């Protein structure tokens, strides 16, 4: 806006494009109803803006009306919880979007953003929130909260009932509980109090063993939970893992006649000819339990039948 003071649409599109990159490339749009409602009660915002202008808070060549209008537009962008979580994850990941691996923000920009979230992200409750949780957070009066645990994760909560400060009541209680249980306050790693050590153990115990991860992959494949599989892919787990019967996720997807899951697994280059302990391949299971369409999909990708159980004559 400072470089092109009269190009309000271009400025808005530029900022939204950056937000979209932080969200993993998801297209974002403005809620016109919210925009018009905010604009109709803008007196307080203009009063603050004029006060800032009097104290030289804005470059002299900027139109105050354009600044306020851009603020209302950006304040009216709609996101989902999933999109918000990716945005928070980008901040937690030092400016690199976890969904795309692209560096969207510099580390300097991330540090400044998290500092502002520490100071003012929870309105007048920010100081108490910082004292209780130590987590950079941004809330909105829609009931949404973006919580950043630097270097670990980002999350988005949504629960519309608000407290006296204008923050999500349930979101605040959840954030306190989570920070305490898993020792997420940024000072917990720098003190030796017994309670901090105890809570740090909760965080360590929360890490899944490889066996548990494999079990969850099998469950996700059998029940069509693509989101859970995406999580393990991001963690670097191969979807070719097998259970104690040497059955893979593709075996279970075929037994469940889940074409969408089979396509997902094939797209992730799993072995379509994997043998279980009975020498059966996913194609054997598909022929017995699944549709002709799924059978054709497997054959088109090079699947074949297994030898089956081998009887040894004595």
Protein backbone atom coordinates (compact mmCIF):
# COMPACT_ATOMS: atom_id res chain seq x y z
CA UNK A 1 0.00 0.00 0.00
CA UNK A 2 2.92 2.34 0.67
CA UNK A 3 4.41 1.66 -2.78
CA UNK A 4 1.02 1.88 -4.55
CA UNK A 5 -1.25 4.03 -2.33
CA UNK A 6 -4.08 4.07 -4.88
CA UNK A 7 -4.03 0.35 -5.73
CA UNK A 8 -6.24 -0.98 -2.92
CA UNK A 9 -7.46 -4.08 -4.85
CA UNK A 10 -3.90 -5.02 -5.78
CA UNK A 11 -2.75 -4.66 -2.16
CA UNK A 12 -5.60 -6.86 -0.94
CA UNK A 13 -4.90 -9.55 -3.53
CA UNK A 14 -1.21 -9.50 -2.66
CA UNK A 15 -1.82 -10.05 1.06
CA UNK A 16 -4.42 -12.77 0.42
CA UNK A 17 -1.96 -14.53 -1.86
CA UNK A 18 0.60 -14.57 0.97
CA UNK A 19 -2.03 -15.91 3.38
CA UNK A 20 -2.88 -18.61 0.84
CA UNK A 21 0.78 -19.63 0.61
CA UNK A 22 0.91 -19.90 4.40
CA UNK A 23 -2.18 -22.12 4.22
CA UNK A 24 -0.61 -24.52 1.72
CA UNK A 25 -2.04 -22.97 -1.43
CA UNK A 26 -5.69 -23.14 -0.36
CA UNK A 27 -7.73 -20.39 -2.11
CA UNK A 28 -9.14 -17.85 0.35
CA UNK A 29 -12.09 -15.52 -0.08
CA UNK A 30 -13.68 -12.58 1.69
CA UNK A 31 -17.01 -12.75 3.52
CA UNK A 32 -18.76 -9.70 2.16
CA UNK A 33 -21.41 -9.68 4.91
CA UNK A 34 -18.74 -9.45 7.60
CA UNK A 35 -16.88 -6.79 5.64
CA UNK A 36 -19.97 -4.56 5.30
CA UNK A 37 -20.94 -5.10 8.94
CA UNK A 38 -17.47 -4.05 10.15
CA UNK A 39 -17.46 -1.07 7.82
CA UNK A 40 -20.83 0.14 9.13
CA UNK A 41 -19.44 0.44 12.69
CA UNK A 42 -16.01 1.83 11.93
CA UNK A 43 -16.00 4.99 14.09
CA UNK A 44 -13.71 3.56 16.77
CA UNK A 45 -11.26 2.22 14.21
CA UNK A 46 -11.08 5.61 12.49
CA UNK A 47 -10.56 7.33 15.84
CA UNK A 48 -7.59 5.08 16.62
CA UNK A 49 -6.24 5.56 13.10
CA UNK A 50 -6.40 9.36 13.37
CA UNK A 51 -4.63 9.17 16.72
CA UNK A 52 -1.86 7.08 15.14
CA UNK A 53 -1.66 9.50 12.23
CA UNK A 54 -1.27 12.43 14.61
CA UNK A 55 1.70 10.66 16.18
CA UNK A 56 3.15 9.87 12.72
CA UNK A 57 2.24 6.21 12.89
CA UNK A 58 1.62 6.07 9.11
CA UNK A 59 3.71 7.23 6.14
CA UNK A 60 2.52 10.68 5.05
CA UNK A 61 1.51 9.64 1.52
CA UNK A 62 -1.06 7.03 2.63
CA UNK A 63 -4.80 7.63 2.52
CA UNK A 64 -6.30 6.83 5.91
CA UNK A 65 -9.54 5.62 4.31
CA UNK A 66 -7.60 3.11 2.20
CA UNK A 67 -5.76 1.81 5.26
CA UNK A 68 -8.98 1.25 7.21
CA UNK A 69 -10.73 -0.28 4.21
CA UNK A 70 -7.84 -2.73 3.67
CA UNK A 71 -7.98 -3.61 7.36
CA UNK A 72 -11.70 -4.42 7.15
CA UNK A 73 -11.19 -6.52 4.03
CA UNK A 74 -8.39 -8.56 5.57
CA UNK A 75 -10.43 -8.93 8.75
CA UNK A 76 -13.22 -10.54 6.71
CA UNK A 77 -11.26 -13.40 5.12
CA UNK A 78 -12.80 -16.81 5.75
CA UNK A 79 -10.77 -19.87 6.72
CA UNK A 80 -11.56 -23.38 7.93
CA UNK A 81 -10.03 -24.98 11.03
CA UNK A 82 -7.82 -27.12 8.80
CA UNK A 83 -6.58 -24.05 6.92
CA UNK A 84 -5.97 -22.20 10.17
CA UNK A 85 -3.97 -25.12 11.54
CA UNK A 86 -1.69 -25.06 8.48
CA UNK A 87 -1.17 -21.30 8.90
CA UNK A 88 -0.29 -21.82 12.57
CA UNK A 89 1.95 -24.70 11.53
CA UNK A 90 3.81 -22.42 9.12
CA UNK A 91 4.58 -20.05 11.99
CA UNK A 92 5.60 -22.97 14.22
CA UNK A 93 7.86 -24.27 11.46
CA UNK A 94 9.90 -21.10 11.13
CA UNK A 95 8.00 -19.77 8.10
CA UNK A 96 8.10 -23.00 6.06
CA UNK A 97 4.63 -24.27 5.19
CA UNK A 98 4.33 -27.87 6.47
CA UNK A 99 1.91 -28.78 3.69
CA UNK A 100 4.09 -27.66 0.77
CA UNK A 101 7.63 -27.36 2.16
CA UNK A 102 7.87 -23.84 0.71
CA UNK A 103 9.43 -21.03 2.75
CA UNK A 104 6.71 -18.39 2.93
CA UNK A 105 8.05 -16.14 5.68
CA UNK A 106 11.55 -15.26 6.79
CA UNK A 107 12.61 -16.31 10.29
CA UNK A 108 12.84 -12.64 11.20
CA UNK A 109 9.20 -12.10 10.17
CA UNK A 110 8.10 -15.18 12.11
CA UNK A 111 9.89 -13.98 15.25
CA UNK A 112 8.22 -10.57 15.01
CA UNK A 113 4.80 -12.10 14.35
CA UNK A 114 5.04 -14.47 17.32
CA UNK A 115 6.22 -11.60 19.52
CA UNK A 116 3.12 -9.57 18.63
CA UNK A 117 0.94 -12.63 19.25
CA UNK A 118 2.53 -12.94 22.69
CA UNK A 119 1.83 -9.31 23.52
CA UNK A 120 -1.59 -8.66 21.98
CA UNK A 121 -2.98 -11.85 20.45
CA UNK A 122 -5.62 -12.43 23.14
CA UNK A 123 -6.88 -8.85 23.49
CA UNK A 124 -6.76 -7.58 27.11
CA UNK A 125 -6.29 -11.16 28.35
CA UNK A 126 -2.91 -11.47 26.60
CA UNK A 127 -0.78 -10.95 29.71
CA UNK A 128 -2.63 -13.58 31.74
CA UNK A 129 -2.62 -16.00 28.80
CA UNK A 130 1.12 -15.56 28.40
CA UNK A 131 1.61 -16.16 32.12
CA UNK A 132 -0.57 -19.29 32.12
CA UNK A 133 0.45 -20.99 28.85
CA UNK A 134 3.48 -19.27 27.31
CA UNK A 135 2.00 -19.93 23.84
CA UNK A 136 1.85 -17.34 21.02
CA UNK A 137 -1.86 -17.20 20.17
CA UNK A 138 -4.25 -15.12 18.08
CA UNK A 139 -7.93 -15.20 18.84
CA UNK A 140 -10.88 -13.58 17.09
CA UNK A 141 -14.39 -12.76 18.18
CA UNK A 142 -15.72 -15.37 15.78
CA UNK A 143 -14.54 -17.94 18.37
CA UNK A 144 -11.39 -19.03 16.54
CA UNK A 145 -7.93 -19.38 18.10
CA UNK A 146 -4.61 -19.97 16.32
CA UNK A 147 -2.12 -21.47 18.78
CA UNK A 148 1.57 -21.82 17.90
CA UNK A 149 3.99 -24.11 19.73
CA UNK A 150 7.28 -22.99 18.11
CA UNK A 151 9.25 -25.86 16.64
CA UNK A 152 6.54 -28.41 17.49
CA UNK A 153 3.11 -27.68 16.01
CA UNK A 154 0.39 -25.21 15.19
CA UNK A 155 -3.30 -25.68 15.80
CA UNK A 156 -6.61 -24.00 15.16
CA UNK A 157 -9.54 -24.18 17.60
CA UNK A 158 -13.09 -23.05 16.95
CA UNK A 159 -15.76 -22.66 19.62
CA UNK A 160 -17.98 -19.56 19.31
CA UNK A 161 -19.07 -18.95 22.96
CA UNK A 162 -16.87 -16.08 24.15
CA UNK A 163 -15.65 -15.03 27.58
CA UNK A 164 -15.61 -11.49 28.98
CA UNK A 165 -12.41 -10.71 27.05
CA UNK A 166 -13.79 -11.74 23.66
CA UNK A 167 -11.87 -15.04 23.46
CA UNK A 168 -13.29 -18.54 22.99
CA UNK A 169 -14.17 -19.81 26.48
CA UNK A 170 -13.56 -23.48 25.68
CA UNK A 171 -10.50 -22.64 23.61
CA UNK A 172 -8.90 -20.81 26.54
CA UNK A 173 -9.54 -23.70 28.94
CA UNK A 174 -8.25 -26.24 26.43
CA UNK A 175 -5.09 -24.21 25.82
CA UNK A 176 -4.37 -23.97 29.56
CA UNK A 177 -4.93 -27.68 30.07
CA UNK A 178 -2.79 -28.67 27.08
CA UNK A 179 0.09 -26.36 28.04
CA UNK A 180 0.12 -27.67 31.60
CA UNK A 181 -0.20 -31.37 30.74
CA UNK A 182 2.48 -31.40 28.03
CA UNK A 183 4.77 -28.70 29.45
CA UNK A 184 4.41 -26.44 26.41
CA UNK A 185 5.12 -23.16 28.22
CA UNK A 186 8.35 -21.90 26.71
CA UNK A 187 9.94 -21.67 30.18
CA UNK A 188 9.16 -25.28 31.12
CA UNK A 189 12.28 -26.48 29.34
CA UNK A 190 14.47 -24.08 31.33
CA UNK A 191 13.43 -24.80 34.91
CA UNK A 192 14.04 -27.75 37.16
CA UNK A 193 10.80 -27.76 39.12
CA UNK A 194 9.48 -31.31 39.68
CA UNK A 195 6.12 -30.47 38.11
CA UNK A 196 7.85 -29.37 34.90
CA UNK A 197 9.82 -32.62 34.75
CA UNK A 198 6.65 -34.61 35.34
CA UNK A 199 4.80 -32.80 32.57
CA UNK A 200 7.71 -33.15 30.17
CA UNK A 201 7.41 -36.91 30.69
CA UNK A 202 3.79 -36.70 29.53
CA UNK A 203 5.03 -35.15 26.29
CA UNK A 204 7.64 -37.87 25.78
CA UNK A 205 5.16 -40.63 26.61
CA UNK A 206 2.80 -39.15 24.03
CA UNK A 207 5.16 -40.07 21.21
CA UNK A 208 3.95 -43.09 19.32
CA UNK A 209 6.07 -46.17 18.97
CA UNK A 210 6.57 -47.61 15.50
CA UNK A 211 4.28 -50.51 16.38
CA UNK A 212 1.47 -48.15 17.34
CA UNK A 213 1.98 -46.12 14.17
CA UNK A 214 1.73 -49.28 12.04
CA UNK A 215 -1.43 -50.31 13.84
CA UNK A 216 -2.95 -46.87 13.23
CA UNK A 217 -2.00 -47.01 9.54
CA UNK A 218 -3.83 -50.33 9.22
CA UNK A 219 -6.86 -48.92 11.03
CA UNK A 220 -6.88 -45.82 8.80
CA UNK A 221 -6.66 -47.92 5.63
CA UNK A 222 -9.50 -50.18 6.75
CA UNK A 223 -11.75 -47.25 7.69
CA UNK A 224 -10.85 -44.80 4.92
CA UNK A 225 -9.17 -42.20 7.14
CA UNK A 226 -7.00 -40.35 4.60
CA UNK A 227 -6.22 -37.50 7.02
CA UNK A 228 -4.57 -39.89 9.46
CA UNK A 229 -2.49 -41.43 6.68
CA UNK A 230 -1.42 -37.96 5.54
CA UNK A 231 -0.15 -37.32 9.05
CA UNK A 232 2.07 -40.40 8.98
CA UNK A 233 3.31 -39.60 5.48
CA UNK A 234 4.40 -36.18 6.77
CA UNK A 235 6.20 -37.94 9.61
CA UNK A 236 8.13 -39.98 7.05
CA UNK A 237 6.46 -43.36 7.63
CA UNK A 238 6.27 -45.59 4.56
CA UNK A 239 2.75 -46.77 3.71
CA UNK A 240 4.28 -50.11 2.73
CA UNK A 241 4.58 -51.09 6.40
CA UNK A 242 2.96 -54.41 7.33
CA UNK A 243 1.38 -55.87 10.46
CA UNK A 244 2.30 -59.16 12.19
CA UNK A 245 0.50 -61.09 9.43
CA UNK A 246 2.53 -59.17 6.81
CA UNK A 247 -0.67 -57.54 5.61
CA UNK A 248 -0.28 -54.03 4.25
CA UNK A 249 -2.60 -51.06 4.16
CA UNK A 250 -3.50 -51.97 0.58
CA UNK A 251 -4.57 -55.45 1.69
CA UNK A 252 -6.99 -53.93 4.18
CA UNK A 253 -8.29 -51.33 1.73
CA UNK A 254 -9.12 -54.13 -0.71
CA UNK A 255 -10.84 -56.20 1.98
CA UNK A 256 -12.96 -53.11 2.78
CA UNK A 257 -13.71 -52.52 -0.93
CA UNK A 258 -12.49 -48.94 -0.53
CA UNK A 259 -11.63 -47.72 -4.02
CA UNK A 260 -10.71 -44.21 -2.89
CA UNK A 261 -8.26 -45.54 -0.30
CA UNK A 262 -6.74 -47.96 -2.81
CA UNK A 263 -6.20 -45.07 -5.26
CA UNK A 264 -4.58 -43.02 -2.49
CA UNK A 265 -2.19 -45.82 -1.57
CA UNK A 266 -1.29 -46.57 -5.18
CA UNK A 267 -0.62 -42.87 -5.75
CA UNK A 268 1.86 -43.13 -2.86
CA UNK A 269 3.70 -45.92 -4.69
CA UNK A 270 2.92 -48.81 -2.35
CA UNK A 271 3.80 -52.34 -3.44
CA UNK A 272 0.73 -53.73 -5.24
CA UNK A 273 2.18 -57.26 -5.17
CA UNK A 274 2.99 -57.48 -1.45
CA UNK A 275 2.50 -60.96 0.01
CA UNK A 276 0.96 -61.61 3.42
CA UNK A 277 1.70 -64.65 5.58
CA UNK A 278 -0.74 -66.71 3.48
CA UNK A 279 1.01 -65.68 0.25
CA UNK A 280 -1.97 -63.57 -0.80
CA UNK A 281 -1.63 -60.24 -2.59
CA UNK A 282 -4.01 -57.28 -2.42
CA UNK A 283 -5.42 -58.49 -5.75
CA UNK A 284 -6.40 -61.81 -4.17
CA UNK A 285 -8.35 -59.93 -1.48
CA UNK A 286 -9.91 -57.60 -4.03
CA UNK A 287 -11.14 -60.50 -6.16
CA UNK A 288 -12.78 -62.04 -3.11
CA UNK A 289 -14.17 -58.97 -1.34
CA UNK A 290 -14.09 -55.91 -3.61
CA UNK A 291 -15.72 -54.55 -6.73
CA UNK A 292 -14.66 -55.24 -10.29
CA UNK A 293 -13.56 -51.61 -10.56
CA UNK A 294 -11.05 -52.03 -7.75
CA UNK A 295 -9.78 -55.28 -9.27
CA UNK A 296 -9.26 -53.49 -12.59
CA UNK A 297 -7.42 -50.65 -10.84
CA UNK A 298 -4.96 -53.10 -9.31
CA UNK A 299 -4.41 -54.97 -12.57
CA UNK A 300 -3.84 -51.68 -14.40
CA UNK A 301 -1.04 -50.93 -11.95
CA UNK A 302 0.70 -54.27 -12.35
CA UNK A 303 -0.84 -56.30 -9.52
CA UNK A 304 -1.00 -60.07 -9.76
CA UNK A 305 -2.24 -63.01 -7.71
CA UNK A 306 -0.09 -64.67 -5.10
CA UNK A 307 0.81 -68.37 -4.96
CA UNK A 308 -1.44 -68.92 -1.94
CA UNK A 309 -0.76 -71.51 0.74
CA UNK A 310 1.66 -74.17 -0.36
CA UNK A 311 0.77 -77.66 0.78
CA UNK A 312 3.76 -79.79 1.54
CA UNK A 313 3.16 -83.54 1.11
CA UNK A 314 4.79 -85.76 3.68
